[in-house]
Amino acid sequence: MDKWRRGRPTEAGEGLAAAFEEDPEGVAGLFSECELLRSQAAGAGLELDDSATSLAALDQLLPRWRDDPELLPWLGNDAGLYLGTVIVRNVPGAAWHVWPAGQPVVRLGSGREIHVVEAGLDWAVNGSPELYRMYAEASEA
């Protein structure tokens, strides 16, 4: 039992950071799933194809999710991970990075980091910053 306990992360985010260190592509694949966001988008007739255009289309959706306080943080988290996925797949030099506490960020080739989950939560709650705008800023950096 002691061996098992010692092998387990002691902080909540350490597990994600360790998993990312061991298998960054696998964790990035999990980040890209964004199942709740993809489901909501599909319900509105929008297919998320990991493109900048899909971010602009998400920005135009009516924010019906704001009526459901339980859904809001989950959808915001997915929106941030989707934003990060689009940036990583389309902006040269961009890559995922996970801080030791477990916070995923996108690190641009310039070294600048974008806190995509935070941006996604702000977008889900307030409608800003617009996801496409965040992408455009990242692609210019």
C-alpha atoms as a PDB file:
ATOM      1  CA  MET A   1       0.000   0.000   0.000  1.00  0.00           C
ATOM      2  CA  ASP A   2       2.820   2.440   0.841  1.00  0.00           C
ATOM      3  CA  LYS A   3       4.449   1.819  -2.527  1.00  0.00           C
ATOM      4  CA  TRP A   4       1.172   2.631  -4.280  1.00  0.00           C
ATOM      5  CA  ARG A   5       0.701   5.812  -2.268  1.00  0.00           C
ATOM      6  CA  ARG A   6       4.250   6.991  -2.943  1.00  0.00           C
ATOM      7  CA  GLY A   7       3.747   6.444  -6.651  1.00  0.00           C
ATOM      8  CA  ARG A   8       0.618   8.561  -6.751  1.00  0.00           C
ATOM      9  CA  PRO A   9       0.707  12.318  -7.276  1.00  0.00           C
ATOM     10  CA  THR A  10       0.071  14.275  -4.101  1.00  0.00           C
ATOM     11  CA  GLU A  11      -1.415  17.337  -5.761  1.00  0.00           C
ATOM     12  CA  ALA A  12      -4.432  17.313  -8.062  1.00  0.00           C
ATOM     13  CA  GLY A  13      -2.638  18.623 -11.154  1.00  0.00           C
ATOM     14  CA  GLU A  14       0.524  16.575 -10.744  1.00  0.00           C
ATOM     15  CA  GLY A  15      -1.111  13.590 -12.429  1.00  0.00           C
ATOM     16  CA  LEU A  16      -1.798  15.571 -15.580  1.00  0.00           C
ATOM     17  CA  ALA A  17       1.670  17.102 -15.604  1.00  0.00           C
ATOM     18  CA  ALA A  18       3.266  13.664 -15.185  1.00  0.00           C
ATOM     19  CA  ALA A  19       1.063  12.137 -17.884  1.00  0.00           C
ATOM     20  CA  PHE A  20       1.943  14.981 -20.241  1.00  0.00           C
ATOM     21  CA  GLU A  21       5.639  14.506 -19.562  1.00  0.00           C
ATOM     22  CA  GLU A  22       5.347  10.779 -20.349  1.00  0.00           C
ATOM     23  CA  ASP A  23       3.059  11.064 -23.382  1.00  0.00           C
ATOM     24  CA  PRO A  24       2.581  14.622 -24.678  1.00  0.00           C
ATOM     25  CA  GLU A  25       0.915  13.484 -27.912  1.00  0.00           C
ATOM     26  CA  GLY A  26      -1.563  11.290 -26.046  1.00  0.00           C
ATOM     27  CA  VAL A  27      -2.499  14.077 -23.643  1.00  0.00           C
ATOM     28  CA  ALA A  28      -2.805  16.537 -26.547  1.00  0.00           C
ATOM     29  CA  GLY A  29      -5.167  14.038 -28.160  1.00  0.00           C
ATOM     30  CA  LEU A  30      -7.300  14.031 -25.020  1.00  0.00           C
ATOM     31  CA  PHE A  31      -7.289  17.832 -24.960  1.00  0.00           C
ATOM     32  CA  SER A  32      -8.578  17.867 -28.551  1.00  0.00           C
ATOM     33  CA  GLU A  33     -11.626  15.702 -27.839  1.00  0.00           C
ATOM     34  CA  CYS A  34     -13.720  18.542 -26.339  1.00  0.00           C
ATOM     35  CA  GLU A  35     -16.741  16.252 -26.409  1.00  0.00           C
ATOM     36  CA  LEU A  36     -19.217  18.614 -24.737  1.00  0.00           C
ATOM     37  CA  LEU A  37     -18.310  21.565 -26.964  1.00  0.00           C
ATOM     38  CA  ARG A  38     -18.417  19.412 -30.097  1.00  0.00           C
ATOM     39  CA  SER A  39     -21.830  18.071 -29.071  1.00  0.00           C
ATOM     40  CA  GLN A  40     -23.225  21.563 -28.429  1.00  0.00           C
ATOM     41  CA  ALA A  41     -21.812  22.801 -31.736  1.00  0.00           C
ATOM     42  CA  ALA A  42     -23.234  19.816 -33.635  1.00  0.00           C
ATOM     43  CA  GLY A  43     -26.629  20.520 -32.069  1.00  0.00           C
ATOM     44  CA  ALA A  44     -26.423  23.987 -33.607  1.00  0.00           C
ATOM     45  CA  GLY A  45     -25.432  22.537 -36.991  1.00  0.00           C
ATOM     46  CA  LEU A  46     -21.735  23.380 -36.676  1.00  0.00           C
ATOM     47  CA  GLU A  47     -18.963  20.852 -37.254  1.00  0.00           C
ATOM     48  CA  LEU A  48     -15.736  21.636 -35.434  1.00  0.00           C
ATOM     49  CA  ASP A  49     -12.902  20.785 -37.817  1.00  0.00           C
ATOM     50  CA  ASP A  50      -9.992  22.233 -35.810  1.00  0.00           C
ATOM     51  CA  SER A  51      -9.769  25.271 -38.096  1.00  0.00           C
ATOM     52  CA  ALA A  52      -9.672  28.990 -37.387  1.00  0.00           C
ATOM     53  CA  THR A  53     -12.928  29.286 -39.339  1.00  0.00           C
ATOM     54  CA  SER A  54     -14.638  26.998 -36.831  1.00  0.00           C
ATOM     55  CA  LEU A  55     -13.545  29.325 -34.010  1.00  0.00           C
ATOM     56  CA  ALA A  56     -15.199  32.243 -35.809  1.00  0.00           C
ATOM     57  CA  ALA A  57     -18.355  30.151 -36.226  1.00  0.00           C
ATOM     58  CA  LEU A  58     -18.361  29.291 -32.497  1.00  0.00           C
ATOM     59  CA  ASP A  59     -18.156  32.996 -31.704  1.00  0.00           C
ATOM     60  CA  GLN A  60     -21.410  33.471 -33.648  1.00  0.00           C
ATOM     61  CA  LEU A  61     -23.431  30.827 -31.785  1.00  0.00           C
ATOM     62  CA  LEU A  62     -26.212  31.970 -29.489  1.00  0.00           C
ATOM     63  CA  PRO A  63     -24.870  31.338 -25.974  1.00  0.00           C
ATOM     64  CA  ARG A  64     -27.707  29.110 -24.754  1.00  0.00           C
ATOM     65  CA  TRP A  65     -25.283  27.361 -22.399  1.00  0.00           C
ATOM     66  CA  ARG A  66     -25.276  30.443 -20.178  1.00  0.00           C
ATOM     67  CA  ASP A  67     -28.719  29.380 -18.956  1.00  0.00           C
ATOM     68  CA  ASP A  68     -27.222  26.260 -17.366  1.00  0.00           C
ATOM     69  CA  PRO A  69     -24.797  27.112 -14.531  1.00  0.00           C
ATOM     70  CA  GLU A  70     -23.745  23.457 -14.219  1.00  0.00           C
ATOM     71  CA  LEU A  71     -22.836  23.233 -17.900  1.00  0.00           C
ATOM     72  CA  LEU A  72     -21.043  26.568 -18.108  1.00  0.00           C
ATOM     73  CA  PRO A  73     -17.655  25.696 -16.545  1.00  0.00           C
ATOM     74  CA  TRP A  74     -17.410  22.409 -18.425  1.00  0.00           C
ATOM     75  CA  LEU A  75     -18.233  24.036 -21.737  1.00  0.00           C
ATOM     76  CA  GLY A  76     -15.784  26.855 -21.022  1.00  0.00           C
ATOM     77  CA  ASN A  77     -13.061  24.328 -20.257  1.00  0.00           C
ATOM     78  CA  ASP A  78     -13.771  22.528 -23.534  1.00  0.00           C
ATOM     79  CA  ALA A  79     -13.809  25.835 -25.433  1.00  0.00           C
ATOM     80  CA  GLY A  80     -10.376  26.645 -24.058  1.00  0.00           C
ATOM     81  CA  LEU A  81      -8.984  23.230 -24.917  1.00  0.00           C
ATOM     82  CA  TYR A  82     -10.481  23.505 -28.404  1.00  0.00           C
ATOM     83  CA  LEU A  83      -8.922  26.956 -28.852  1.00  0.00           C
ATOM     84  CA  GLY A  84      -5.593  25.480 -27.792  1.00  0.00           C
ATOM     85  CA  THR A  85      -5.999  22.566 -30.184  1.00  0.00           C
ATOM     86  CA  VAL A  86      -6.676  24.900 -33.116  1.00  0.00           C
ATOM     87  CA  ILE A  87      -3.666  27.054 -32.237  1.00  0.00           C
ATOM     88  CA  VAL A  88      -1.322  24.068 -31.814  1.00  0.00           C
ATOM     89  CA  ARG A  89      -2.457  22.477 -35.079  1.00  0.00           C
ATOM     90  CA  ASN A  90      -2.357  25.659 -37.164  1.00  0.00           C
ATOM     91  CA  VAL A  91       0.232  28.066 -35.745  1.00  0.00           C
ATOM     92  CA  PRO A  92       3.842  27.103 -36.495  1.00  0.00           C
ATOM     93  CA  GLY A  93       5.903  26.667 -33.334  1.00  0.00           C
ATOM     94  CA  ALA A  94       2.887  26.451 -31.002  1.00  0.00           C
ATOM     95  CA  ALA A  95       2.819  23.534 -28.571  1.00  0.00           C
ATOM     96  CA  TRP A  96       0.996  22.374 -25.478  1.00  0.00           C
ATOM     97  CA  HIS A  97       2.678  22.748 -22.114  1.00  0.00           C
ATOM     98  CA  VAL A  98       1.334  21.594 -18.754  1.00  0.00           C
ATOM     99  CA  TRP A  99       2.477  23.377 -15.617  1.00  0.00           C
ATOM    100  CA  PRO A 100       3.361  21.210 -12.582  1.00  0.00           C
ATOM    101  CA  ALA A 101       0.043  22.182 -10.952  1.00  0.00           C
ATOM    102  CA  GLY A 102      -1.770  20.730 -13.976  1.00  0.00           C
ATOM    103  CA  GLN A 103      -2.728  23.885 -15.876  1.00  0.00           C
ATOM    104  CA  PRO A 104      -2.538  23.348 -19.648  1.00  0.00           C
ATOM    105  CA  VAL A 105      -1.298  26.325 -21.653  1.00  0.00           C
ATOM    106  CA  VAL A 106      -0.225  26.848 -25.239  1.00  0.00           C
ATOM    107  CA  ARG A 107       3.332  28.031 -25.633  1.00  0.00           C
ATOM    108  CA  LEU A 108       3.996  29.938 -28.846  1.00  0.00           C
ATOM    109  CA  GLY A 109       7.285  29.836 -30.725  1.00  0.00           C
ATOM    110  CA  SER A 110       8.054  33.285 -29.291  1.00  0.00           C
ATOM    111  CA  GLY A 111       7.858  31.841 -25.765  1.00  0.00           C
ATOM    112  CA  ARG A 112       4.600  33.624 -24.954  1.00  0.00           C
ATOM    113  CA  GLU A 113       2.058  31.452 -23.177  1.00  0.00           C
ATOM    114  CA  ILE A 114      -1.675  31.559 -23.704  1.00  0.00           C
ATOM    115  CA  HIS A 115      -3.868  30.414 -20.839  1.00  0.00           C
ATOM    116  CA  VAL A 116      -6.442  28.864 -23.139  1.00  0.00           C
ATOM    117  CA  VAL A 117      -8.693  27.313 -20.480  1.00  0.00           C
ATOM    118  CA  GLU A 118      -9.007  30.669 -18.746  1.00  0.00           C
ATOM    119  CA  ALA A 119      -9.826  32.286 -22.108  1.00  0.00           C
ATOM    120  CA  GLY A 120     -12.403  29.574 -22.833  1.00  0.00           C
ATOM    121  CA  LEU A 121     -14.107  30.100 -19.489  1.00  0.00           C
ATOM    122  CA  ASP A 122     -14.221  33.870 -20.066  1.00  0.00           C
ATOM    123  CA  TRP A 123     -15.669  33.264 -23.527  1.00  0.00           C
ATOM    124  CA  ALA A 124     -18.352  30.896 -22.221  1.00  0.00           C
ATOM    125  CA  VAL A 125     -19.395  33.251 -19.418  1.00  0.00           C
ATOM    126  CA  ASN A 126     -18.990  36.670 -21.060  1.00  0.00           C
ATOM    127  CA  GLY A 127     -18.594  36.092 -24.787  1.00  0.00           C
ATOM    128  CA  SER A 128     -15.178  37.668 -24.737  1.00  0.00           C
ATOM    129  CA  PRO A 129     -12.451  37.364 -25.612  1.00  0.00           C
ATOM    130  CA  GLU A 130     -13.698  35.963 -28.892  1.00  0.00           C
ATOM    131  CA  LEU A 131     -12.058  32.641 -29.674  1.00  0.00           C
ATOM    132  CA  TYR A 132     -11.145  33.670 -33.211  1.00  0.00           C
ATOM    133  CA  ARG A 133      -9.549  36.864 -31.921  1.00  0.00           C
ATOM    134  CA  MET A 134      -7.387  34.856 -29.505  1.00  0.00           C
ATOM    135  CA  TYR A 135      -6.340  32.637 -32.400  1.00  0.00           C
ATOM    136  CA  ALA A 136      -5.547  35.637 -34.611  1.00  0.00           C
ATOM    137  CA  GLU A 137      -3.368  37.170 -31.899  1.00  0.00           C
ATOM    138  CA  ALA A 138      -1.530  33.877 -31.442  1.00  0.00           C
ATOM    139  CA  SER A 139      -0.938  33.493 -35.163  1.00  0.00           C
ATOM    140  CA  GLU A 140       0.593  36.978 -35.347  1.00  0.00           C
ATOM    141  CA  ALA A 141       2.984  36.422 -32.433  1.00  0.00           C
END
